[in-house]
């Protein structure tokens, strides 16, 4: 009976150690990826860790998974921007040029949300061509905020009426680009 209890205790201890080791290894993956991304800048490192740990599944994710998580975070930001724009458009009573700027911003953020959703799925898949597709989609999504600001500047507005919550979109996209592993060379 005592040997059975000892065996049970040893098995339980082994499971606890294995779980702790898995959690530590996963944490190291996020931390290593963020250290590489931040290149010594503490604020960038903190941003990276904060973004990635907010998502379920980041603890077990590899580089592709972490890039997909960052792309999904960017998609959520872009979708929030389209919702904010819809609210602004519903209450818009100003000039036609301002309405046109809102429409242009809506198109920019909607396209960014679609591209980031496709990029997240492509990054998570294991085929080499999907990495190239994810890279291209992420690069296309970069700059949506600047293009929206330009639409308002062209309309004679000093600044975009969108709040600061959408300002982090480019940071999220750049994080996804930095975390995405390089695509294998194409076969000639």
N, C-alpha and C. Protein backbone atom coordinates (compact mmCIF):
# COMPACT_ATOMS: atom_id res chain seq x y z
N UNK A 1 0.82 -1.20 0.00
CA UNK A 1 0.00 0.00 0.00
C UNK A 1 0.86 1.25 0.00
N UNK A 2 1.94 1.25 0.79
CA UNK A 2 2.81 2.41 0.87
C UNK A 2 3.50 2.67 -0.47
N UNK A 3 3.86 1.60 -1.18
CA UNK A 3 4.51 1.79 -2.48
C UNK A 3 3.52 2.35 -3.49
N UNK A 4 2.25 2.00 -3.38
CA UNK A 4 1.23 2.55 -4.26
C UNK A 4 1.04 4.05 -4.00
N UNK A 5 1.06 4.44 -2.73
CA UNK A 5 0.96 5.86 -2.39
C UNK A 5 2.19 6.61 -2.88
N UNK A 6 3.35 6.03 -2.75
CA UNK A 6 4.58 6.67 -3.22
C UNK A 6 4.54 6.83 -4.73
N UNK A 7 4.05 5.82 -5.43
CA UNK A 7 3.92 5.89 -6.89
C UNK A 7 2.94 6.98 -7.30
N UNK A 8 1.83 7.07 -6.58
CA UNK A 8 0.84 8.11 -6.86
C UNK A 8 1.44 9.50 -6.63
N UNK A 9 2.17 9.68 -5.53
CA UNK A 9 2.81 10.97 -5.23
C UNK A 9 3.84 11.32 -6.29
N UNK A 10 4.62 10.35 -6.71
CA UNK A 10 5.63 10.59 -7.74
C UNK A 10 4.98 10.98 -9.06
N UNK A 11 3.90 10.31 -9.43
CA UNK A 11 3.19 10.62 -10.68
C UNK A 11 2.58 12.02 -10.61
N UNK A 12 2.01 12.38 -9.47
CA UNK A 12 1.43 13.72 -9.30
C UNK A 12 2.52 14.78 -9.40
N UNK A 13 3.64 14.54 -8.75
CA UNK A 13 4.75 15.48 -8.81
C UNK A 13 5.26 15.63 -10.23
N UNK A 14 5.35 14.53 -10.96
CA UNK A 14 5.80 14.58 -12.34
C UNK A 14 4.85 15.41 -13.20
N UNK A 15 3.55 15.26 -13.00
CA UNK A 15 2.56 16.06 -13.75
C UNK A 15 2.67 17.54 -13.41
N UNK A 16 2.86 17.87 -12.16
CA UNK A 16 3.01 19.28 -11.75
C UNK A 16 4.26 19.88 -12.36
N UNK A 17 5.36 19.15 -12.32
CA UNK A 17 6.61 19.64 -12.90
C UNK A 17 6.48 19.80 -14.41
N UNK A 18 5.84 18.83 -15.07
CA UNK A 18 5.65 18.92 -16.52
C UNK A 18 4.80 20.13 -16.89
N UNK A 19 3.74 20.38 -16.12
CA UNK A 19 2.88 21.54 -16.39
C UNK A 19 3.66 22.84 -16.18
N UNK A 20 4.42 22.91 -15.11
CA UNK A 20 5.22 24.12 -14.85
C UNK A 20 6.26 24.32 -15.94
N UNK A 21 6.88 23.24 -16.40
CA UNK A 21 7.89 23.35 -17.46
C UNK A 21 7.25 23.84 -18.76
N UNK A 22 6.07 23.31 -19.09
CA UNK A 22 5.36 23.74 -20.30
C UNK A 22 5.01 25.22 -20.21
N UNK A 23 4.50 25.66 -19.08
CA UNK A 23 4.14 27.08 -18.90
C UNK A 23 5.37 27.96 -19.00
N UNK A 24 6.49 27.50 -18.41
CA UNK A 24 7.71 28.29 -18.46
C UNK A 24 8.25 28.37 -19.88
N UNK A 25 8.21 27.26 -20.62
CA UNK A 25 8.69 27.24 -21.99
C UNK A 25 7.84 28.14 -22.87
N UNK A 26 6.51 28.11 -22.68
CA UNK A 26 5.62 28.95 -23.47
C UNK A 26 5.86 30.41 -23.15
N UNK A 27 6.03 30.71 -21.86
CA UNK A 27 6.31 32.08 -21.47
C UNK A 27 7.61 32.55 -22.09
N UNK A 28 8.59 31.66 -22.14
CA UNK A 28 9.86 32.00 -22.75
C UNK A 28 9.69 32.30 -24.23
N UNK A 29 8.81 31.56 -24.92
CA UNK A 29 8.57 31.82 -26.35
C UNK A 29 8.06 33.24 -26.55
N UNK A 30 7.07 33.64 -25.79
CA UNK A 30 6.54 35.01 -25.90
C UNK A 30 7.63 36.02 -25.53
N UNK A 31 8.32 35.78 -24.43
CA UNK A 31 9.34 36.73 -24.00
C UNK A 31 10.48 36.82 -25.01
N UNK A 32 10.92 35.70 -25.55
CA UNK A 32 11.99 35.73 -26.56
C UNK A 32 11.56 36.46 -27.82
N UNK A 33 10.34 36.19 -28.26
CA UNK A 33 9.82 36.88 -29.45
C UNK A 33 9.73 38.37 -29.21
N UNK A 34 9.30 38.76 -28.02
CA UNK A 34 9.16 40.18 -27.70
C UNK A 34 10.52 40.85 -27.53
N UNK A 35 11.49 40.14 -26.97
CA UNK A 35 12.84 40.71 -26.87
C UNK A 35 13.42 40.97 -28.25
N UNK A 36 13.21 40.03 -29.16
CA UNK A 36 13.68 40.20 -30.53
C UNK A 36 12.98 41.39 -31.20
N UNK A 37 11.68 41.48 -31.00
CA UNK A 37 10.89 42.58 -31.58
C UNK A 37 11.35 43.93 -31.03
N UNK A 38 11.54 44.01 -29.72
CA UNK A 38 11.80 45.29 -29.06
C UNK A 38 13.23 45.78 -29.25
N UNK A 39 14.16 44.88 -29.45
CA UNK A 39 15.57 45.24 -29.64
C UNK A 39 16.07 46.18 -28.54
N UNK A 40 15.73 45.86 -27.31
CA UNK A 40 16.23 46.63 -26.18
C UNK A 40 15.33 47.77 -25.71
N UNK A 41 14.29 48.10 -26.46
CA UNK A 41 13.38 49.18 -26.06
C UNK A 41 12.33 48.62 -25.11
N UNK A 42 12.37 49.04 -23.87
CA UNK A 42 11.50 48.48 -22.84
C UNK A 42 10.01 48.70 -23.15
N UNK A 43 9.66 49.88 -23.64
CA UNK A 43 8.26 50.16 -23.94
C UNK A 43 7.74 49.23 -25.04
N UNK A 44 8.56 48.97 -26.05
CA UNK A 44 8.16 48.06 -27.12
C UNK A 44 8.02 46.63 -26.60
N UNK A 45 8.94 46.24 -25.73
CA UNK A 45 8.87 44.91 -25.13
C UNK A 45 7.60 44.75 -24.31
N UNK A 46 7.30 45.73 -23.48
CA UNK A 46 6.09 45.68 -22.66
C UNK A 46 4.83 45.63 -23.52
N UNK A 47 4.80 46.44 -24.59
CA UNK A 47 3.67 46.44 -25.51
C UNK A 47 3.48 45.05 -26.12
N UNK A 48 4.57 44.46 -26.58
CA UNK A 48 4.53 43.15 -27.21
C UNK A 48 4.00 42.09 -26.25
N UNK A 49 4.56 42.03 -25.07
CA UNK A 49 4.13 41.04 -24.08
C UNK A 49 2.67 41.26 -23.71
N UNK A 50 2.28 42.50 -23.51
CA UNK A 50 0.90 42.82 -23.15
C UNK A 50 -0.06 42.38 -24.26
N UNK A 51 0.26 42.69 -25.51
CA UNK A 51 -0.61 42.32 -26.63
C UNK A 51 -0.74 40.82 -26.77
N UNK A 52 0.38 40.13 -26.70
CA UNK A 52 0.36 38.69 -26.94
C UNK A 52 -0.26 37.91 -25.80
N UNK A 53 -0.05 38.33 -24.59
CA UNK A 53 -0.59 37.58 -23.45
C UNK A 53 -2.08 37.83 -23.24
N UNK A 54 -2.62 38.85 -23.87
CA UNK A 54 -4.06 39.11 -23.75
C UNK A 54 -4.88 38.05 -24.46
N UNK A 55 -4.28 37.38 -25.42
CA UNK A 55 -5.00 36.42 -26.25
C UNK A 55 -4.87 35.01 -25.69
N UNK A 56 -5.96 34.27 -25.75
CA UNK A 56 -5.90 32.85 -25.40
C UNK A 56 -5.06 32.14 -26.45
N UNK A 57 -4.27 31.19 -26.02
CA UNK A 57 -3.47 30.42 -26.95
C UNK A 57 -2.07 30.93 -27.14
N UNK A 58 -1.76 32.11 -26.62
CA UNK A 58 -0.41 32.65 -26.82
C UNK A 58 0.63 31.82 -26.07
N UNK A 59 0.22 31.19 -24.98
CA UNK A 59 1.17 30.42 -24.19
C UNK A 59 1.71 29.22 -24.97
N UNK A 60 0.93 28.69 -25.89
CA UNK A 60 1.36 27.51 -26.64
C UNK A 60 1.74 27.85 -28.08
N UNK A 61 1.77 29.10 -28.44
CA UNK A 61 1.97 29.50 -29.84
C UNK A 61 3.45 29.53 -30.21
N UNK A 62 3.71 29.17 -31.46
CA UNK A 62 5.04 29.34 -32.02
C UNK A 62 5.09 30.70 -32.72
N UNK A 63 6.16 30.96 -33.48
CA UNK A 63 6.30 32.27 -34.12
C UNK A 63 5.13 32.58 -35.05
N UNK A 64 4.69 31.59 -35.81
CA UNK A 64 3.55 31.81 -36.70
C UNK A 64 2.29 32.15 -35.89
N UNK A 65 2.09 31.41 -34.82
CA UNK A 65 0.93 31.65 -33.98
C UNK A 65 0.95 33.01 -33.33
N UNK A 66 2.13 33.44 -32.89
CA UNK A 66 2.25 34.77 -32.28
C UNK A 66 1.98 35.86 -33.31
N UNK A 67 2.46 35.67 -34.54
CA UNK A 67 2.18 36.64 -35.61
C UNK A 67 0.68 36.68 -35.89
N UNK A 68 0.04 35.52 -35.89
CA UNK A 68 -1.40 35.45 -36.12
C UNK A 68 -2.16 36.17 -35.00
N UNK A 69 -1.69 36.01 -33.77
CA UNK A 69 -2.33 36.69 -32.63
C UNK A 69 -2.22 38.20 -32.79
N UNK A 70 -1.05 38.69 -33.17
CA UNK A 70 -0.87 40.13 -33.37
C UNK A 70 -1.74 40.63 -34.52
N UNK A 71 -1.85 39.84 -35.59
CA UNK A 71 -2.70 40.24 -36.72
C UNK A 71 -4.17 40.29 -36.29
N UNK A 72 -4.59 39.32 -35.48
CA UNK A 72 -5.99 39.35 -34.99
C UNK A 72 -6.24 40.54 -34.09
N UNK A 73 -5.25 40.93 -33.29
CA UNK A 73 -5.40 42.13 -32.46
C UNK A 73 -5.56 43.36 -33.34
N UNK A 74 -4.78 43.43 -34.41
CA UNK A 74 -4.92 44.54 -35.36
C UNK A 74 -6.27 44.53 -36.03
N UNK A 75 -6.76 43.35 -36.38
CA UNK A 75 -8.08 43.23 -37.00
C UNK A 75 -9.16 43.76 -36.06
N UNK A 76 -9.05 43.43 -34.79
CA UNK A 76 -10.03 43.92 -33.81
C UNK A 76 -9.99 45.44 -33.72
N UNK A 77 -8.81 46.02 -33.77
CA UNK A 77 -8.68 47.48 -33.74
C UNK A 77 -9.30 48.09 -34.99
N UNK A 78 -9.04 47.51 -36.16
CA UNK A 78 -9.60 48.02 -37.40
C UNK A 78 -11.13 47.91 -37.39
N UNK A 79 -11.65 46.80 -36.89
CA UNK A 79 -13.11 46.64 -36.81
C UNK A 79 -13.71 47.67 -35.85
N UNK A 80 -13.03 47.94 -34.74
CA UNK A 80 -13.50 48.96 -33.80
C UNK A 80 -13.53 50.33 -34.48
N UNK A 81 -12.56 50.58 -35.34
CA UNK A 81 -12.53 51.85 -36.06
C UNK A 81 -13.73 51.97 -37.00
N UNK A 82 -14.07 50.87 -37.70
CA UNK A 82 -15.23 50.94 -38.60
C UNK A 82 -16.52 51.16 -37.81
N UNK A 83 -16.60 50.58 -36.62
CA UNK A 83 -17.78 50.81 -35.78
C UNK A 83 -17.85 52.26 -35.31
N UNK A 84 -16.72 52.81 -34.95
CA UNK A 84 -16.66 54.23 -34.52
C UNK A 84 -17.04 55.14 -35.68
N UNK A 85 -16.54 54.82 -36.87
CA UNK A 85 -16.86 55.61 -38.06
C UNK A 85 -18.34 55.53 -38.37
N UNK A 86 -18.94 54.35 -38.23
CA UNK A 86 -20.38 54.20 -38.47
C UNK A 86 -21.17 55.10 -37.53
N UNK A 87 -20.75 55.17 -36.27
CA UNK A 87 -21.43 56.05 -35.31
C UNK A 87 -21.26 57.51 -35.70
N UNK A 88 -20.06 57.88 -36.13
CA UNK A 88 -19.82 59.26 -36.55
C UNK A 88 -20.65 59.61 -37.80
N UNK A 89 -20.71 58.66 -38.74
CA UNK A 89 -21.47 58.92 -39.97
C UNK A 89 -22.96 59.05 -39.69
N UNK A 90 -23.45 58.31 -38.72
CA UNK A 90 -24.88 58.38 -38.39
C UNK A 90 -25.25 59.73 -37.82
N UNK A 91 -24.32 60.40 -37.17
CA UNK A 91 -24.58 61.69 -36.55
C UNK A 91 -23.97 62.86 -37.31
N UNK A 92 -23.44 62.59 -38.49
CA UNK A 92 -22.72 63.62 -39.24
C UNK A 92 -23.68 64.63 -39.86
N UNK A 93 -23.46 65.89 -39.56
CA UNK A 93 -24.27 66.97 -40.14
C UNK A 93 -23.38 68.02 -40.78
N UNK A 94 -22.08 67.75 -40.84
CA UNK A 94 -21.13 68.73 -41.34
C UNK A 94 -21.08 68.71 -42.87
N UNK A 95 -19.98 69.12 -43.40
CA UNK A 95 -19.82 69.30 -44.84
C UNK A 95 -19.73 67.97 -45.58
N UNK A 96 -19.95 68.07 -46.88
CA UNK A 96 -19.85 66.89 -47.74
C UNK A 96 -18.42 66.36 -47.74
N UNK A 97 -17.44 67.26 -47.68
CA UNK A 97 -16.05 66.80 -47.69
C UNK A 97 -15.73 66.00 -46.43
N UNK A 98 -16.31 66.39 -45.32
CA UNK A 98 -16.10 65.62 -44.08
C UNK A 98 -16.77 64.25 -44.17
N UNK A 99 -17.96 64.21 -44.75
CA UNK A 99 -18.64 62.93 -44.96
C UNK A 99 -17.83 62.05 -45.90
N UNK A 100 -17.24 62.65 -46.93
CA UNK A 100 -16.40 61.89 -47.85
C UNK A 100 -15.16 61.35 -47.15
N UNK A 101 -14.59 62.16 -46.26
CA UNK A 101 -13.42 61.71 -45.50
C UNK A 101 -13.79 60.53 -44.60
N UNK A 102 -14.95 60.60 -43.96
CA UNK A 102 -15.40 59.48 -43.14
C UNK A 102 -15.60 58.23 -43.99
N UNK A 103 -16.17 58.40 -45.17
CA UNK A 103 -16.37 57.25 -46.07
C UNK A 103 -15.02 56.66 -46.49
N UNK A 104 -14.05 57.52 -46.77
CA UNK A 104 -12.71 57.04 -47.15
C UNK A 104 -12.07 56.28 -45.99
N UNK A 105 -12.21 56.81 -44.80
CA UNK A 105 -11.66 56.13 -43.62
C UNK A 105 -12.35 54.80 -43.38
N UNK A 106 -13.65 54.78 -43.56
CA UNK A 106 -14.39 53.53 -43.40
C UNK A 106 -13.86 52.48 -44.36
N UNK A 107 -13.64 52.87 -45.60
CA UNK A 107 -13.11 51.93 -46.60
C UNK A 107 -11.71 51.46 -46.22
N UNK A 108 -10.87 52.36 -45.73
CA UNK A 108 -9.50 52.01 -45.33
C UNK A 108 -9.49 51.00 -44.20
N UNK A 109 -10.26 51.28 -43.15
CA UNK A 109 -10.27 50.40 -42.00
C UNK A 109 -10.96 49.08 -42.29
N UNK A 110 -12.01 49.09 -43.11
CA UNK A 110 -12.67 47.84 -43.49
C UNK A 110 -11.71 46.96 -44.29
N UNK A 111 -10.97 47.57 -45.22
CA UNK A 111 -9.98 46.81 -46.00
C UNK A 111 -8.88 46.27 -45.09
N UNK A 112 -8.44 47.09 -44.14
CA UNK A 112 -7.40 46.64 -43.20
C UNK A 112 -7.91 45.47 -42.37
N UNK A 113 -9.15 45.53 -41.91
CA UNK A 113 -9.72 44.43 -41.12
C UNK A 113 -9.76 43.13 -41.93
N UNK A 114 -10.18 43.23 -43.20
CA UNK A 114 -10.21 42.04 -44.06
C UNK A 114 -8.81 41.49 -44.27
N UNK A 115 -7.87 42.36 -44.60
CA UNK A 115 -6.50 41.92 -44.85
C UNK A 115 -5.87 41.29 -43.61
N UNK A 116 -6.12 41.88 -42.46
CA UNK A 116 -5.54 41.35 -41.23
C UNK A 116 -6.17 40.01 -40.86
N UNK A 117 -7.45 39.82 -41.12
CA UNK A 117 -8.08 38.53 -40.90
C UNK A 117 -7.47 37.46 -41.80
N UNK A 118 -7.30 37.80 -43.08
CA UNK A 118 -6.67 36.85 -44.02
C UNK A 118 -5.22 36.59 -43.64
N UNK A 119 -4.51 37.63 -43.20
CA UNK A 119 -3.10 37.48 -42.81
C UNK A 119 -2.98 36.57 -41.59
N UNK A 120 -3.88 36.71 -40.63
CA UNK A 120 -3.84 35.86 -39.44
C UNK A 120 -4.02 34.40 -39.82
N UNK A 121 -4.98 34.14 -40.71
CA UNK A 121 -5.20 32.75 -41.14
C UNK A 121 -4.00 32.22 -41.94
N UNK A 122 -3.44 33.05 -42.80
CA UNK A 122 -2.29 32.62 -43.59
C UNK A 122 -1.06 32.38 -42.71
N UNK A 123 -0.87 33.21 -41.72
CA UNK A 123 0.28 33.04 -40.82
C UNK A 123 0.17 31.75 -40.03
N UNK A 124 -1.03 31.38 -39.67
CA UNK A 124 -1.23 30.18 -38.85
C UNK A 124 -1.06 28.89 -39.64
N UNK A 125 -1.24 28.94 -40.96
CA UNK A 125 -1.08 27.74 -41.78
C UNK A 125 0.39 27.41 -41.97
N UNK A 126 0.69 26.22 -42.34
CA UNK A 126 2.07 25.73 -42.37
C UNK A 126 2.73 25.78 -43.75
N UNK A 127 2.04 26.17 -44.77
CA UNK A 127 2.64 26.19 -46.11
C UNK A 127 3.48 27.45 -46.30
N UNK A 128 4.60 27.33 -47.01
CA UNK A 128 5.50 28.46 -47.22
C UNK A 128 4.87 29.61 -47.97
N UNK A 129 4.04 29.31 -48.97
CA UNK A 129 3.38 30.36 -49.73
C UNK A 129 2.45 31.19 -48.87
N UNK A 130 1.92 30.57 -47.84
CA UNK A 130 1.04 31.30 -46.93
C UNK A 130 1.81 32.35 -46.13
N UNK A 131 3.07 32.09 -45.83
CA UNK A 131 3.88 33.10 -45.14
C UNK A 131 4.09 34.32 -46.03
N UNK A 132 4.34 34.08 -47.31
CA UNK A 132 4.50 35.21 -48.25
C UNK A 132 3.19 35.98 -48.37
N UNK A 133 2.08 35.26 -48.42
CA UNK A 133 0.77 35.91 -48.50
C UNK A 133 0.49 36.72 -47.24
N UNK A 134 0.80 36.15 -46.09
CA UNK A 134 0.59 36.86 -44.83
C UNK A 134 1.43 38.14 -44.81
N UNK A 135 2.68 38.05 -45.23
CA UNK A 135 3.57 39.22 -45.27
C UNK A 135 2.98 40.31 -46.16
N UNK A 136 2.53 39.92 -47.35
CA UNK A 136 1.97 40.90 -48.29
C UNK A 136 0.71 41.55 -47.72
N UNK A 137 -0.16 40.76 -47.11
CA UNK A 137 -1.39 41.30 -46.54
C UNK A 137 -1.10 42.24 -45.39
N UNK A 138 -0.13 41.89 -44.55
CA UNK A 138 0.23 42.77 -43.43
C UNK A 138 0.78 44.09 -43.95
N UNK A 139 1.62 44.02 -44.96
CA UNK A 139 2.17 45.26 -45.52
C UNK A 139 1.10 46.14 -46.14
N UNK A 140 0.09 45.51 -46.77
CA UNK A 140 -1.02 46.28 -47.34
C UNK A 140 -1.86 46.95 -46.26
N UNK A 141 -1.95 46.33 -45.10
CA UNK A 141 -2.76 46.89 -44.01
C UNK A 141 -2.04 48.04 -43.31
N UNK A 142 -0.73 48.10 -43.43
CA UNK A 142 0.04 49.16 -42.78
C UNK A 142 -0.33 50.52 -43.38
N UNK A 143 -0.49 51.50 -42.54
CA UNK A 143 -0.73 52.86 -43.00
C UNK A 143 -2.18 53.28 -43.10
N UNK A 144 -3.11 52.45 -42.68
CA UNK A 144 -4.53 52.82 -42.77
C UNK A 144 -4.81 54.09 -41.98
N UNK A 145 -4.19 54.22 -40.82
CA UNK A 145 -4.41 55.42 -39.99
C UNK A 145 -3.89 56.66 -40.70
N UNK A 146 -2.72 56.57 -41.30
CA UNK A 146 -2.15 57.72 -42.01
C UNK A 146 -3.00 58.09 -43.23
N UNK A 147 -3.51 57.08 -43.94
CA UNK A 147 -4.36 57.37 -45.09
C UNK A 147 -5.68 58.00 -44.65
N UNK A 148 -6.20 57.60 -43.52
CA UNK A 148 -7.42 58.21 -42.98
C UNK A 148 -7.14 59.66 -42.58
N UNK A 149 -6.03 59.88 -41.90
CA UNK A 149 -5.66 61.26 -41.53
C UNK A 149 -5.50 62.13 -42.77
N UNK A 150 -4.93 61.57 -43.83
CA UNK A 150 -4.75 62.32 -45.07
C UNK A 150 -6.10 62.68 -45.70
N UNK A 151 -7.07 61.79 -45.58
CA UNK A 151 -8.40 62.09 -46.11
C UNK A 151 -9.02 63.26 -45.37
N UNK A 152 -8.83 63.32 -44.06
CA UNK A 152 -9.36 64.46 -43.30
C UNK A 152 -8.57 65.74 -43.59
N UNK A 153 -7.28 65.63 -43.78
CA UNK A 153 -6.48 66.81 -44.13
C UNK A 153 -6.93 67.36 -45.48
N UNK A 154 -7.19 66.47 -46.44
CA UNK A 154 -7.67 66.90 -47.75
C UNK A 154 -9.04 67.55 -47.66
N UNK A 155 -9.82 67.17 -46.65
CA UNK A 155 -11.15 67.75 -46.44
C UNK A 155 -11.07 69.06 -45.66
N UNK A 156 -9.85 69.48 -45.32
CA UNK A 156 -9.68 70.74 -44.60
C UNK A 156 -9.83 70.61 -43.10
N UNK A 157 -9.81 69.42 -42.59
CA UNK A 157 -9.92 69.19 -41.15
C UNK A 157 -8.52 69.16 -40.53
N UNK A 158 -8.40 69.69 -39.36
CA UNK A 158 -7.11 69.71 -38.68
C UNK A 158 -6.68 68.31 -38.25
N UNK A 159 -7.65 67.51 -37.82
CA UNK A 159 -7.33 66.15 -37.39
C UNK A 159 -8.54 65.25 -37.56
N UNK A 160 -8.28 63.96 -37.51
CA UNK A 160 -9.33 62.96 -37.63
C UNK A 160 -10.16 62.95 -36.34
N UNK A 161 -11.46 62.77 -36.46
CA UNK A 161 -12.30 62.70 -35.26
C UNK A 161 -12.22 61.34 -34.56
N UNK A 162 -11.47 60.41 -35.11
CA UNK A 162 -11.35 59.10 -34.47
C UNK A 162 -10.50 59.23 -33.22
N UNK A 163 -10.90 58.51 -32.20
CA UNK A 163 -10.18 58.60 -30.93
C UNK A 163 -8.87 57.82 -30.98
N UNK A 164 -8.11 57.92 -29.94
CA UNK A 164 -6.79 57.32 -29.89
C UNK A 164 -6.77 55.81 -29.92
N UNK A 165 -7.92 55.16 -29.72
CA UNK A 165 -7.94 53.71 -29.69
C UNK A 165 -7.52 53.09 -31.02
N UNK A 166 -7.74 53.80 -32.11
CA UNK A 166 -7.36 53.25 -33.42
C UNK A 166 -5.93 53.61 -33.78
N UNK A 167 -5.29 54.44 -33.01
CA UNK A 167 -3.93 54.88 -33.31
C UNK A 167 -2.91 53.75 -33.16
N UNK A 168 -3.26 52.72 -32.42
CA UNK A 168 -2.33 51.61 -32.22
C UNK A 168 -2.35 50.58 -33.33
N UNK A 169 -3.17 50.78 -34.35
CA UNK A 169 -3.29 49.79 -35.42
C UNK A 169 -1.95 49.51 -36.08
N UNK A 170 -1.23 50.55 -36.46
CA UNK A 170 0.05 50.33 -37.13
C UNK A 170 1.04 49.62 -36.22
N UNK A 171 0.99 49.90 -34.93
CA UNK A 171 1.88 49.20 -33.99
C UNK A 171 1.55 47.70 -33.97
N UNK A 172 0.28 47.36 -33.99
CA UNK A 172 -0.12 45.96 -33.99
C UNK A 172 0.29 45.27 -35.29
N UNK A 173 0.12 45.97 -36.40
CA UNK A 173 0.52 45.40 -37.70
C UNK A 173 2.03 45.22 -37.75
N UNK A 174 2.77 46.22 -37.30
CA UNK A 174 4.24 46.11 -37.29
C UNK A 174 4.69 44.97 -36.38
N UNK A 175 4.01 44.76 -35.28
CA UNK A 175 4.32 43.64 -34.39
C UNK A 175 4.11 42.32 -35.13
N UNK A 176 3.00 42.19 -35.82
CA UNK A 176 2.73 40.96 -36.58
C UNK A 176 3.79 40.73 -37.65
N UNK A 177 4.18 41.78 -38.34
CA UNK A 177 5.22 41.66 -39.37
C UNK A 177 6.53 41.20 -38.75
N UNK A 178 6.89 41.79 -37.62
CA UNK A 178 8.15 41.45 -36.97
C UNK A 178 8.16 40.01 -36.44
N UNK A 179 7.02 39.52 -36.00
CA UNK A 179 6.93 38.17 -35.44
C UNK A 179 6.82 37.08 -36.50
N UNK A 180 6.39 37.45 -37.68
CA UNK A 180 6.20 36.47 -38.74
C UNK A 180 7.56 35.91 -39.17
N UNK A 181 7.72 34.59 -39.13
CA UNK A 181 9.01 34.04 -39.56
C UNK A 181 9.21 34.26 -41.06
N UNK A 182 10.45 34.28 -41.51
CA UNK A 182 10.68 34.49 -42.94
C UNK A 182 10.15 33.31 -43.75
N UNK A 183 9.67 33.62 -44.94
CA UNK A 183 9.16 32.57 -45.82
C UNK A 183 10.35 31.81 -46.40
N UNK A 184 10.16 30.51 -46.63
CA UNK A 184 11.25 29.75 -47.24
C UNK A 184 11.48 30.26 -48.67
N UNK A 185 12.69 30.09 -49.17
CA UNK A 185 12.97 30.56 -50.52
C UNK A 185 12.09 29.82 -51.53
N UNK A 186 11.74 30.52 -52.58
CA UNK A 186 10.91 29.91 -53.63
C UNK A 186 11.77 28.97 -54.45
N UNK A 187 11.15 27.90 -54.90
CA UNK A 187 11.85 26.92 -55.73
C UNK A 187 11.92 27.42 -57.15
N UNK A 188 13.08 27.31 -57.73
CA UNK A 188 13.26 27.81 -59.11
C UNK A 188 12.84 26.80 -60.12
